[in-house]
Amino acid sequence: MINLPEITTKKVATKLTTRAEILVKKGHPWVFDQSIAKDIVDGKSGDLAIIFDNRKNKFLAVGFYDPYSPIRIKILQANKPANINADWFKEKIKIAYDKRKPLLKTDTNSYRLIYGENDHLPSFVADVYADVLVVKLYAQFWFPYLHEILPELLKISNTKTLILRLSRNVQKEGNEHGLSDGQVLHGTLANEVVVFKEDGVLFSANVIKGHKTGYFLDHRNNRKMVGKMANNKTVLDVFSYAGGFSVHALSGGAREVTSLDISAQALEIAKQNAQLNNFKGEHNIIVGDAFDEMDQLAFNDIEYDIVVIDPPSFAKSAAEIDRAIKSYTKLALLGLKLVKRGGTLVLASCSSRVTADVFFELMEETISKTNTSYQVLKTTQHDIDHPISFKEGAYLKTIYLKIN
């Protein structure tokens, strides 16, 4: 392990508004700036905010203080006092790892080991790709604690190489402490593109330059399901990115798979991922805007046995929810035009502000209004390596519709 920064932190006391106090007691991990009743005047990023309750002046919670975010305190532990040290991190990491153990019994060597607040380690993500561990930090308050948490993550994951990824908002501060995005902190990396297995299917992740940590692991279960459905079928994978659904479909025996994405670079990766595996089907590529290209396919009366539509988030703020709902509705209608009768339409959303209940109801309502007969085969949400511990932590939902 390279020398990690030694940064001094302190404990700062504070109190919250009554409503915020109730939420924290119930386990919510966020305290917004307007919820702090007693100002923390000289607090610095990474200081431990000790919250005392208003009525008895006793310990309520401890969290990381972040003066640069409207979420001013990210809770680490509530209702029970804790020393935030190497032993505390070790316990949280073991709990997280034990949740993922069933995945490791499958033909899979890629998984999310730490999923931020949902594993009580806010703004911290750790993904495993074969023997490479990629840690991504979304807040600078982690810098003082890396020397305590990283060795334990390496040990429990049994990985040989550790890569640090930094979100854009913390890269400047990271550089000041000798840390940079894409830095190899431990071991060696022969190639920035790492090949890994997902239910027996091979994929690659660029762990240095790739989006997020290099790949999107969250749809693993859904990709596997589509692969099992795809034998001798034709498949359209819309917003395919690096070809997650496409490659599983090809590996599952699909006769023909079409990957559609606006990024030519992503589709090149999709082709490379497909070539890592044995398949006999035809793999077609369409580079272009999903809405326009689906319109054109429908105009040409082209239909598929399976249509998968997995767009990026359409609602990153509350103001975008209405627009997101219109986009999901339009995609569902376009998908309906492209799926054969008796075929399957798979619709997904990763917009946390559009809840699962709202999304599923919207998709059914949209199809129903066309007087199309359909059957809900399945709805899914998060896989076990993306556990949910609070409402805002849930974002992924997928519905499978058989079109009669």
Protein backbone atom coordinates (compact mmCIF):
# COMPACT_ATOMS: atom_id res chain seq x y z
CA MET A 1 0.00 0.00 0.00
CA ILE A 2 1.38 3.43 -0.87
CA ASN A 3 1.67 5.99 1.90
CA LEU A 4 -1.79 7.35 2.61
CA PRO A 5 -2.36 10.85 3.98
CA GLU A 6 -2.25 11.43 7.73
CA ILE A 7 -4.97 13.98 8.38
CA THR A 8 -5.93 15.12 11.85
CA THR A 9 -9.63 15.22 12.65
CA LYS A 10 -11.62 16.19 15.71
CA LYS A 11 -15.04 15.59 17.23
CA VAL A 12 -17.61 18.36 17.05
CA ALA A 13 -20.88 18.42 18.99
CA THR A 14 -24.21 19.48 17.56
CA LYS A 15 -27.99 19.19 17.87
CA LEU A 16 -30.73 18.86 15.28
CA THR A 17 -34.21 20.15 14.69
CA THR A 18 -36.97 18.00 16.15
CA ARG A 19 -38.02 16.54 12.79
CA ALA A 20 -34.45 15.69 11.80
CA GLU A 21 -33.84 14.09 15.19
CA ILE A 22 -36.84 11.79 14.67
CA LEU A 23 -35.57 10.75 11.22
CA VAL A 24 -32.09 9.99 12.52
CA LYS A 25 -33.54 7.89 15.35
CA LYS A 26 -35.42 5.90 12.71
CA GLY A 27 -32.18 5.24 10.84
CA HIS A 28 -32.12 7.85 8.08
CA PRO A 29 -28.46 8.50 7.15
CA TRP A 30 -28.68 12.13 5.99
CA VAL A 31 -28.78 15.39 7.95
CA PHE A 32 -29.26 18.46 5.75
CA ASP A 33 -27.73 21.84 6.61
CA GLN A 34 -31.10 23.39 7.52
CA SER A 35 -31.71 20.52 9.98
CA ILE A 36 -28.82 21.51 12.25
CA ALA A 37 -30.09 23.48 15.24
CA LYS A 38 -26.68 24.13 16.79
CA ASP A 39 -24.11 25.39 14.29
CA ILE A 40 -20.75 23.67 13.93
CA VAL A 41 -18.62 26.78 13.57
CA ASP A 42 -15.14 25.42 12.94
CA GLY A 43 -15.93 21.93 11.64
CA LYS A 44 -13.82 20.56 8.80
CA SER A 45 -14.50 17.82 6.27
CA GLY A 46 -13.89 14.46 7.94
CA ASP A 47 -14.50 15.66 11.48
CA LEU A 48 -16.83 13.41 13.45
CA ALA A 49 -20.10 15.17 14.25
CA ILE A 50 -21.48 13.89 17.55
CA ILE A 51 -25.21 14.57 17.69
CA PHE A 52 -26.93 14.88 21.06
CA ASP A 53 -30.68 14.65 21.50
CA ASN A 54 -32.55 17.77 22.57
CA ARG A 55 -34.56 16.37 25.46
CA LYS A 56 -31.98 14.42 27.48
CA ASN A 57 -28.78 15.79 25.98
CA LYS A 58 -27.59 12.20 25.43
CA PHE A 59 -25.80 10.63 22.48
CA LEU A 60 -28.02 10.29 19.42
CA ALA A 61 -25.68 9.60 16.50
CA VAL A 62 -22.23 10.04 15.02
CA GLY A 63 -21.43 10.90 11.41
CA PHE A 64 -18.97 12.50 9.04
CA TYR A 65 -19.19 16.29 8.88
CA ASP A 66 -19.17 17.73 5.35
CA PRO A 67 -19.16 21.54 5.10
CA TYR A 68 -19.17 21.33 1.28
CA SER A 69 -22.48 19.52 0.86
CA PRO A 70 -26.10 20.43 1.64
CA ILE A 71 -26.17 17.01 3.31
CA ARG A 72 -24.07 18.39 6.15
CA ILE A 73 -23.74 15.18 8.18
CA LYS A 74 -23.64 11.61 6.84
CA ILE A 75 -24.61 9.29 9.69
CA LEU A 76 -22.33 6.35 10.51
CA GLN A 77 -24.16 5.01 13.56
CA ALA A 78 -27.25 6.07 15.48
CA ASN A 79 -28.82 5.27 18.87
CA LYS A 80 -25.74 3.41 20.15
CA PRO A 81 -22.37 5.09 20.86
CA ALA A 82 -19.42 4.00 18.71
CA ASN A 83 -15.72 4.59 18.36
CA ILE A 84 -15.16 5.17 14.63
CA ASN A 85 -11.84 3.38 14.23
CA ALA A 86 -10.27 0.43 12.40
CA ASP A 87 -12.28 -2.10 14.45
CA TRP A 88 -15.55 -0.33 13.65
CA PHE A 89 -14.74 -0.30 9.93
CA LYS A 90 -13.74 -3.98 10.10
CA GLU A 91 -17.12 -4.90 11.61
CA LYS A 92 -19.11 -2.97 8.98
CA ILE A 93 -17.06 -4.49 6.15
CA LYS A 94 -17.61 -8.02 7.47
CA ILE A 95 -21.37 -7.46 7.71
CA ALA A 96 -21.38 -6.17 4.12
CA TYR A 97 -19.25 -9.07 2.87
CA ASP A 98 -21.45 -11.68 4.56
CA LYS A 99 -24.48 -10.29 2.68
CA ARG A 100 -22.68 -10.92 -0.62
CA LYS A 101 -21.55 -14.49 0.15
CA PRO A 102 -24.34 -16.16 -1.88
CA LEU A 103 -23.04 -14.38 -5.01
CA LEU A 104 -19.60 -15.89 -4.51
CA LYS A 105 -21.10 -19.38 -4.69
CA THR A 106 -22.16 -18.70 -8.28
CA ASP A 107 -19.91 -18.54 -11.35
CA THR A 108 -19.32 -14.85 -10.60
CA ASN A 109 -16.19 -13.01 -9.48
CA SER A 110 -17.52 -9.46 -9.71
CA TYR A 111 -19.69 -7.74 -7.13
CA ARG A 112 -20.25 -4.56 -5.15
CA LEU A 113 -18.63 -5.06 -1.76
CA ILE A 114 -19.57 -1.67 -0.27
CA TYR A 115 -22.62 0.31 -1.34
CA GLY A 116 -22.35 3.64 0.47
CA GLU A 117 -24.97 4.58 3.03
CA ASN A 118 -26.72 1.25 2.54
CA ASP A 119 -23.71 -0.45 4.14
CA HIS A 120 -23.27 2.36 6.72
CA LEU A 121 -20.25 3.73 4.85
CA PRO A 122 -21.67 6.85 3.18
CA SER A 123 -20.28 8.19 -0.12
CA PHE A 124 -18.02 5.13 -0.40
CA VAL A 125 -18.27 2.44 -3.09
CA ALA A 126 -16.07 -0.63 -3.46
CA ASP A 127 -16.43 -2.96 -6.44
CA VAL A 128 -14.56 -6.22 -7.06
CA TYR A 129 -13.56 -7.28 -10.58
CA ALA A 130 -11.78 -10.65 -10.41
CA ASP A 131 -8.66 -9.90 -8.30
CA VAL A 132 -8.92 -6.10 -8.62
CA LEU A 133 -10.66 -3.95 -6.01
CA VAL A 134 -11.87 -0.52 -7.15
CA VAL A 135 -12.78 2.04 -4.48
CA LYS A 136 -14.64 5.18 -5.48
CA LEU A 137 -15.00 8.13 -3.13
CA TYR A 138 -17.80 10.66 -3.51
CA ALA A 139 -16.77 12.89 -0.60
CA GLN A 140 -13.43 14.15 0.70
CA PHE A 141 -14.31 13.33 4.31
CA TRP A 142 -12.95 9.83 3.64
CA PHE A 143 -9.34 10.94 3.13
CA PRO A 144 -8.38 10.81 6.85
CA TYR A 145 -9.74 7.26 7.23
CA LEU A 146 -8.31 5.45 4.20
CA HIS A 147 -5.40 3.95 6.13
CA GLU A 148 -7.93 2.28 8.45
CA ILE A 149 -10.48 0.98 5.94
CA LEU A 150 -8.52 0.04 2.80
CA PRO A 151 -6.32 -2.75 4.28
CA GLU A 152 -9.41 -4.48 5.64
CA LEU A 153 -11.20 -4.29 2.28
CA LEU A 154 -8.19 -5.85 0.55
CA LYS A 155 -8.00 -8.60 3.11
CA ILE A 156 -11.65 -9.64 3.12
CA SER A 157 -12.03 -9.45 -0.68
CA ASN A 158 -8.81 -11.41 -1.23
CA THR A 159 -7.88 -9.06 -4.08
CA LYS A 160 -4.35 -8.32 -5.24
CA THR A 161 -4.68 -4.81 -6.65
CA LEU A 162 -6.43 -1.70 -5.32
CA ILE A 163 -7.45 1.19 -7.57
CA LEU A 164 -8.69 4.53 -6.25
CA ARG A 165 -11.35 6.41 -8.19
CA LEU A 166 -12.39 9.91 -7.18
CA SER A 167 -15.60 11.66 -8.17
CA ARG A 168 -15.08 14.96 -9.95
CA ASN A 169 -16.08 17.03 -6.90
CA VAL A 170 -13.23 15.65 -4.75
CA GLN A 171 -10.39 15.28 -7.26
CA LYS A 172 -8.83 18.67 -6.47
CA GLU A 173 -8.71 17.94 -2.73
CA GLY A 174 -7.41 14.44 -3.44
CA ASN A 175 -4.52 15.84 -5.47
CA GLU A 176 -3.59 18.07 -2.52
CA HIS A 177 -3.16 14.91 -0.43
CA GLY A 178 -1.24 12.99 -3.08
CA LEU A 179 -4.29 11.05 -4.27
CA SER A 180 -5.58 10.98 -7.84
CA ASP A 181 -8.36 9.41 -9.86
CA GLY A 182 -7.23 6.08 -11.31
CA GLN A 183 -4.31 5.74 -8.90
CA VAL A 184 -3.00 2.25 -8.11
CA LEU A 185 -2.75 2.24 -4.31
CA HIS A 186 -1.75 -1.41 -3.87
CA GLY A 187 -0.30 -4.11 -6.10
CA THR A 188 0.24 -3.81 -9.82
CA LEU A 189 -2.09 -3.47 -12.77
CA ALA A 190 -0.88 -5.10 -15.99
CA ASN A 191 -3.83 -3.80 -18.01
CA GLU A 192 -6.38 -1.12 -17.16
CA VAL A 193 -9.04 -3.34 -18.78
CA VAL A 194 -9.88 -6.16 -16.38
CA VAL A 195 -11.79 -9.24 -17.54
CA PHE A 196 -14.27 -10.72 -15.04
CA LYS A 197 -17.11 -13.24 -14.87
CA GLU A 198 -20.81 -12.62 -14.34
CA ASP A 199 -22.78 -15.87 -14.05
CA GLY A 200 -20.28 -17.57 -16.33
CA VAL A 201 -20.35 -14.78 -18.94
CA LEU A 202 -17.17 -12.78 -19.50
CA PHE A 203 -17.07 -8.98 -19.47
CA SER A 204 -14.43 -6.29 -19.18
CA ALA A 205 -14.12 -3.15 -17.07
CA ASN A 206 -11.73 -0.27 -17.62
CA VAL A 207 -10.97 0.32 -13.96
CA ILE A 208 -8.86 3.43 -14.61
CA LYS A 209 -10.92 5.44 -17.11
CA GLY A 210 -14.30 3.70 -17.22
CA HIS A 211 -17.52 5.26 -15.99
CA LYS A 212 -18.14 4.89 -12.21
CA THR A 213 -15.77 2.05 -11.24
CA GLY A 214 -15.54 0.66 -14.77
CA TYR A 215 -18.82 -1.20 -15.22
CA PHE A 216 -22.43 -1.31 -14.00
CA LEU A 217 -22.87 -4.35 -11.76
CA ASP A 218 -26.39 -3.55 -10.58
CA HIS A 219 -28.34 -5.26 -13.41
CA ARG A 220 -26.59 -8.62 -12.99
CA ASN A 221 -29.74 -10.56 -12.12
CA ASN A 222 -31.77 -9.01 -14.93
CA ARG A 223 -29.04 -9.66 -17.49
CA LYS A 224 -28.95 -13.29 -16.39
CA MET A 225 -32.76 -13.55 -16.77
CA VAL A 226 -32.68 -12.10 -20.29
CA GLY A 227 -29.89 -14.53 -21.17
CA LYS A 228 -32.02 -17.48 -20.04
CA MET A 229 -34.97 -16.22 -22.12
CA ALA A 230 -32.94 -15.56 -25.27
CA ASN A 231 -32.32 -19.01 -26.78
CA ASN A 232 -33.09 -18.88 -30.54
CA LYS A 233 -34.70 -15.44 -30.08
CA THR A 234 -34.14 -12.03 -31.66
CA VAL A 235 -33.25 -9.35 -29.09
CA LEU A 236 -33.10 -5.55 -29.16
CA ASP A 237 -30.98 -4.01 -26.36
CA VAL A 238 -31.76 -0.27 -26.15
CA PHE A 239 -29.32 2.01 -24.27
CA SER A 240 -27.04 -1.01 -24.41
CA TYR A 241 -23.89 0.84 -23.31
CA ALA A 242 -21.19 -1.88 -22.94
CA GLY A 243 -23.62 -4.61 -23.96
CA GLY A 244 -24.61 -6.16 -20.64
CA PHE A 245 -27.95 -7.50 -21.83
CA SER A 246 -26.67 -8.09 -25.37
CA VAL A 247 -23.77 -10.29 -24.33
CA HIS A 248 -25.89 -12.38 -21.95
CA ALA A 249 -28.45 -12.83 -24.73
CA LEU A 250 -25.78 -13.94 -27.22
CA SER A 251 -24.26 -16.29 -24.66
CA GLY A 252 -27.75 -17.62 -23.97
CA GLY A 253 -28.16 -18.70 -27.59
CA ALA A 254 -29.94 -15.72 -29.15
CA ARG A 255 -30.26 -15.98 -32.92
CA GLU A 256 -29.75 -12.25 -33.42
CA VAL A 257 -28.99 -9.37 -31.04
CA THR A 258 -29.05 -5.67 -31.85
CA SER A 259 -27.24 -3.27 -29.50
CA LEU A 260 -28.45 0.35 -29.72
CA ASP A 261 -26.67 3.23 -28.04
CA ILE A 262 -25.74 6.84 -28.79
CA SER A 263 -22.09 6.17 -27.90
CA ALA A 264 -20.01 4.54 -30.62
CA GLN A 265 -17.22 4.06 -28.08
CA ALA A 266 -19.53 2.15 -25.71
CA LEU A 267 -20.73 -0.05 -28.57
CA GLU A 268 -17.12 -0.91 -29.43
CA ILE A 269 -16.77 -2.15 -25.85
CA ALA A 270 -20.03 -4.11 -26.30
CA LYS A 271 -18.56 -5.82 -29.37
CA GLN A 272 -15.35 -6.59 -27.49
CA ASN A 273 -17.30 -7.99 -24.54
CA ALA A 274 -19.27 -10.23 -26.88
CA GLN A 275 -16.05 -11.53 -28.43
CA LEU A 276 -14.82 -12.64 -25.01
CA ASN A 277 -17.51 -15.34 -25.14
CA ASN A 278 -18.54 -18.17 -27.44
CA PHE A 279 -21.73 -17.48 -29.38
CA LYS A 280 -23.25 -18.35 -32.74
CA GLY A 281 -25.82 -15.58 -33.14
CA GLU A 282 -25.51 -12.40 -35.16
CA HIS A 283 -24.55 -9.22 -33.28
CA ASN A 284 -25.72 -5.98 -34.90
CA ILE A 285 -24.84 -2.44 -33.83
CA ILE A 286 -26.90 0.75 -34.17
CA VAL A 287 -25.26 4.04 -33.18
CA GLY A 288 -27.79 6.81 -32.58
CA ASP A 289 -30.38 8.46 -30.37
CA ALA A 290 -32.58 5.74 -28.87
CA PHE A 291 -35.87 7.54 -29.48
CA ASP A 292 -35.06 8.33 -33.12
CA GLU A 293 -33.66 4.90 -33.92
CA MET A 294 -36.58 3.06 -32.30
CA ASP A 295 -38.95 5.26 -34.31
CA GLN A 296 -37.12 4.29 -37.48
CA LEU A 297 -37.17 0.59 -36.63
CA ALA A 298 -40.91 0.79 -36.01
CA PHE A 299 -41.41 2.68 -39.31
CA ASN A 300 -39.59 -0.20 -41.06
CA ASP A 301 -41.90 -2.75 -39.33
CA ILE A 302 -38.97 -4.49 -37.62
CA GLU A 303 -39.94 -6.56 -34.57
CA TYR A 304 -38.05 -8.59 -31.98
CA ASP A 305 -38.85 -11.45 -29.63
CA ILE A 306 -37.34 -9.55 -26.70
CA VAL A 307 -36.96 -5.79 -26.35
CA VAL A 308 -34.91 -4.50 -23.40
CA ILE A 309 -35.04 -0.76 -22.62
CA ASP A 310 -32.70 0.34 -19.83
CA PRO A 311 -32.19 4.13 -20.06
CA PRO A 312 -29.92 6.29 -17.91
CA SER A 313 -31.50 8.27 -15.09
CA PHE A 314 -34.06 10.75 -16.37
CA ALA A 315 -34.71 12.46 -13.01
CA LYS A 316 -31.69 13.63 -11.03
CA SER A 317 -33.82 16.25 -9.27
CA ALA A 318 -37.46 16.65 -8.24
CA ALA A 319 -37.94 19.22 -11.02
CA GLU A 320 -37.21 16.55 -13.63
CA ILE A 321 -39.76 13.96 -12.49
CA ASP A 322 -42.55 15.01 -14.86
CA ARG A 323 -40.20 15.01 -17.83
CA ALA A 324 -38.87 11.60 -16.78
CA ILE A 325 -42.37 10.14 -16.65
CA LYS A 326 -43.05 11.42 -20.19
CA SER A 327 -39.79 9.84 -21.40
CA TYR A 328 -40.58 6.47 -19.78
CA THR A 329 -44.07 6.56 -21.30
CA LYS A 330 -42.69 7.29 -24.77
CA LEU A 331 -40.11 4.50 -24.48
CA ALA A 332 -42.75 1.99 -23.39
CA LEU A 333 -44.92 2.86 -26.41
CA LEU A 334 -41.96 2.63 -28.78
CA GLY A 335 -40.94 -0.69 -27.26
CA LEU A 336 -44.47 -2.00 -27.69
CA LYS A 337 -44.28 -1.28 -31.43
CA LEU A 338 -41.07 -3.27 -31.69
CA VAL A 339 -41.91 -6.43 -29.75
CA LYS A 340 -43.60 -9.37 -31.48
CA ARG A 341 -46.89 -10.70 -30.18
CA GLY A 342 -45.98 -13.39 -27.70
CA GLY A 343 -42.68 -11.62 -27.09
CA THR A 344 -41.31 -9.93 -23.97
CA LEU A 345 -40.88 -6.23 -23.27
CA VAL A 346 -38.37 -5.50 -20.49
CA LEU A 347 -38.54 -1.93 -19.12
CA ALA A 348 -36.12 -0.59 -16.51
CA SER A 349 -35.55 2.64 -14.59
CA CYS A 350 -32.60 3.82 -12.50
CA SER A 351 -34.19 7.14 -11.47
CA SER A 352 -34.42 7.07 -7.68
CA ARG A 353 -36.94 9.92 -7.69
CA VAL A 354 -39.37 7.76 -9.68
CA THR A 355 -40.24 5.04 -7.17
CA ALA A 356 -40.78 1.40 -8.08
CA ASP A 357 -44.52 1.59 -7.39
CA VAL A 358 -44.90 4.66 -9.60
CA PHE A 359 -42.79 3.18 -12.40
CA PHE A 360 -44.50 -0.21 -12.47
CA GLU A 361 -47.95 1.39 -12.40
CA LEU A 362 -46.96 3.83 -15.15
CA MET A 363 -45.69 1.05 -17.43
CA GLU A 364 -48.83 -1.07 -16.99
CA GLU A 365 -51.10 1.94 -17.44
CA THR A 366 -49.25 2.97 -20.61
CA ILE A 367 -49.59 -0.48 -22.18
CA SER A 368 -53.22 -0.83 -21.05
CA LYS A 369 -54.21 2.44 -22.74
CA THR A 370 -53.25 0.92 -26.11
CA ASN A 371 -55.79 -1.90 -25.52
CA THR A 372 -52.94 -4.40 -25.76
CA SER A 373 -53.33 -7.67 -23.91
CA TYR A 374 -50.32 -8.31 -21.70
CA GLN A 375 -49.14 -10.25 -18.68
CA VAL A 376 -46.66 -9.14 -16.01
CA LEU A 377 -44.11 -11.93 -15.88
CA LYS A 378 -41.95 -10.45 -13.16
CA THR A 379 -40.86 -7.27 -11.42
CA THR A 380 -37.39 -6.94 -9.89
CA GLN A 381 -35.46 -4.40 -7.88
CA HIS A 382 -31.99 -4.59 -6.32
CA ASP A 383 -29.64 -7.56 -6.28
CA ILE A 384 -28.10 -8.60 -2.95
CA ASP A 385 -24.87 -6.65 -3.50
CA HIS A 386 -26.90 -3.43 -3.77
CA PRO A 387 -28.87 -3.63 -0.48
CA ILE A 388 -31.28 -0.85 0.46
CA SER A 389 -31.38 0.59 3.97
CA PHE A 390 -33.30 3.82 3.35
CA LYS A 391 -35.92 5.05 0.90
CA GLU A 392 -33.65 7.30 -1.18
CA GLY A 393 -31.15 4.47 -1.60
CA ALA A 394 -33.54 2.56 -3.87
CA TYR A 395 -33.26 3.37 -7.55
CA LEU A 396 -33.32 0.26 -9.74
CA LYS A 397 -36.56 -1.39 -10.89
CA THR A 398 -37.42 -3.58 -13.87
CA ILE A 399 -40.70 -4.97 -15.19
CA TYR A 400 -41.05 -7.91 -17.61
CA LEU A 401 -44.21 -7.82 -19.75
CA LYS A 402 -45.37 -10.60 -22.05
CA ILE A 403 -47.22 -9.01 -24.97
CA ASN A 404 -50.10 -11.23 -26.09
